[in-house]
Amino acid sequence: MNIKPKKILFLITLALSFFTLGLVLSNLINEIFPACDFQKEDKYMAIECVGQLVLVYGFYYMFNGKISTFIENIFKNMKNEKIDTISRIVILISFSTGVYRHLDELNKKTKYLKNKYFG
């Protein structure tokens, strides 16, 4: 497989864009959802975790097409770059890394539930 420098630049741009989107969304989600309260029943904590994940990936799917199209249009001027399978993998990994980098409260909740029920 021959990857050209413009393709590498394209992938880096996608990764940075979606990583940044993940960071912004994780900070927004941290502000929306309450801090971790271990006095709550576990089912409510689990519902909060699922709600946060659904909200985050809902935003991802809403903005995925728009950001991808915007970046494709920028790179069409340089070279005809399209979002292929490798690009989608890079997008999902970079977005997920950005999201989980700062979702501190979700991480605390999931660690608590994991240790209580599976650890």
Protein backbone atom coordinates (compact mmCIF):
# COMPACT_ATOMS: atom_id res chain seq x y z
CA MET A 1 0.00 0.00 0.00
CA ASN A 2 1.47 3.29 -1.12
CA ILE A 3 0.50 6.25 1.07
CA LYS A 4 1.50 9.63 -0.33
CA PRO A 5 2.46 12.69 1.74
CA LYS A 6 -0.80 14.49 0.85
CA LYS A 7 -2.77 11.47 2.10
CA ILE A 8 -0.80 11.56 5.36
CA LEU A 9 -1.54 15.29 5.72
CA PHE A 10 -5.21 14.55 5.00
CA LEU A 11 -5.31 11.85 7.70
CA ILE A 12 -3.52 14.09 10.22
CA THR A 13 -6.00 16.89 9.52
CA LEU A 14 -8.91 14.50 10.04
CA ALA A 15 -7.39 13.15 13.25
CA LEU A 16 -6.74 16.60 14.72
CA SER A 17 -10.18 17.88 13.75
CA PHE A 18 -12.06 14.99 15.29
CA PHE A 19 -9.77 14.83 18.34
CA THR A 20 -10.58 18.51 18.95
CA LEU A 21 -14.29 17.84 18.49
CA GLY A 22 -14.00 15.04 21.04
CA LEU A 23 -12.26 17.32 23.54
CA VAL A 24 -14.87 20.04 23.15
CA LEU A 25 -17.75 17.58 23.52
CA SER A 26 -16.21 15.92 26.57
CA ASN A 27 -15.84 19.27 28.32
CA LEU A 28 -19.42 20.15 27.42
CA ILE A 29 -20.71 16.81 28.70
CA ASN A 30 -18.77 17.26 31.96
CA GLU A 31 -20.59 20.56 32.46
CA ILE A 32 -24.03 19.10 31.66
CA PHE A 33 -23.94 15.96 33.79
CA PRO A 34 -23.52 16.13 37.57
CA ALA A 35 -20.38 15.13 39.38
CA CYS A 36 -19.99 11.52 40.43
CA ASP A 37 -22.16 10.79 43.46
CA PHE A 38 -21.52 7.35 44.91
CA GLN A 39 -24.55 7.71 47.20
CA LYS A 40 -26.88 7.21 44.22
CA GLU A 41 -28.23 3.82 43.37
CA ASP A 42 -26.08 1.97 40.90
CA LYS A 43 -28.84 1.75 38.31
CA TYR A 44 -29.05 5.56 38.15
CA MET A 45 -25.29 5.80 37.79
CA ALA A 46 -25.40 3.24 34.96
CA ILE A 47 -28.20 5.19 33.27
CA GLU A 48 -26.09 8.36 33.47
CA CYS A 49 -23.13 6.55 31.90
CA VAL A 50 -25.25 5.21 29.04
CA GLY A 51 -26.85 8.64 28.59
CA GLN A 52 -23.47 10.32 28.33
CA LEU A 53 -22.22 7.82 25.77
CA VAL A 54 -25.39 8.07 23.68
CA LEU A 55 -25.19 11.86 23.76
CA VAL A 56 -21.50 11.93 22.81
CA TYR A 57 -21.79 9.50 19.92
CA GLY A 58 -25.05 11.13 18.81
CA PHE A 59 -23.12 14.38 18.41
CA TYR A 60 -20.38 12.46 16.62
CA TYR A 61 -22.79 11.08 14.03
CA MET A 62 -24.47 14.49 13.64
CA PHE A 63 -21.21 16.33 12.97
CA ASN A 64 -19.29 13.53 11.25
CA GLY A 65 -20.68 14.23 7.79
CA LYS A 66 -20.42 17.99 8.05
CA ILE A 67 -16.82 18.07 9.22
CA SER A 68 -15.78 15.33 6.80
CA THR A 69 -17.36 17.18 3.87
CA PHE A 70 -15.70 20.43 4.93
CA ILE A 71 -12.26 18.78 5.10
CA GLU A 72 -12.85 16.96 1.79
CA ASN A 73 -13.67 20.29 0.13
CA ILE A 74 -10.45 21.83 1.43
CA PHE A 75 -8.39 18.91 0.15
CA LYS A 76 -10.17 18.78 -3.24
CA ASN A 77 -8.33 21.97 -4.08
CA MET A 78 -5.02 20.25 -3.38
CA LYS A 79 -5.84 16.77 -4.65
CA ASN A 80 -8.94 14.67 -4.99
CA GLU A 81 -9.02 13.10 -1.50
CA LYS A 82 -12.01 11.11 -0.38
CA ILE A 83 -12.79 9.64 3.01
CA ASP A 84 -12.12 5.93 2.73
CA THR A 85 -12.00 3.11 5.27
CA ILE A 86 -8.61 4.11 6.67
CA SER A 87 -9.85 7.68 7.08
CA ARG A 88 -12.97 6.51 8.93
CA ILE A 89 -10.85 4.41 11.29
CA VAL A 90 -8.60 7.41 11.98
CA ILE A 91 -11.66 9.61 12.57
CA LEU A 92 -13.29 7.22 15.05
CA ILE A 93 -10.09 6.53 17.00
CA SER A 94 -9.11 10.19 17.25
CA PHE A 95 -12.64 11.25 18.24
CA SER A 96 -12.89 8.53 20.88
CA THR A 97 -9.47 9.43 22.26
CA GLY A 98 -10.46 13.09 22.48
CA VAL A 99 -13.73 12.26 24.21
CA TYR A 100 -12.33 9.92 26.82
CA ARG A 101 -9.37 12.17 27.51
CA HIS A 102 -11.50 14.55 29.55
CA LEU A 103 -14.65 12.69 30.54
CA ASP A 104 -13.40 12.41 34.11
CA GLU A 105 -16.77 11.93 35.74
CA LEU A 106 -17.78 9.19 33.30
CA ASN A 107 -14.45 7.47 33.91
CA LYS A 108 -15.01 7.56 37.68
CA LYS A 109 -18.52 6.14 37.31
CA THR A 110 -17.51 3.35 34.97
CA LYS A 111 -14.50 2.39 37.13
CA TYR A 112 -16.73 2.28 40.20
CA LEU A 113 -19.35 0.12 38.48
CA LYS A 114 -16.71 -2.13 36.91
CA ASN A 115 -14.92 -2.69 40.23
CA LYS A 116 -18.16 -3.30 42.10
CA TYR A 117 -19.67 -5.79 39.67
CA PHE A 118 -16.75 -7.24 37.71
CA GLY A 119 -13.68 -6.67 39.88
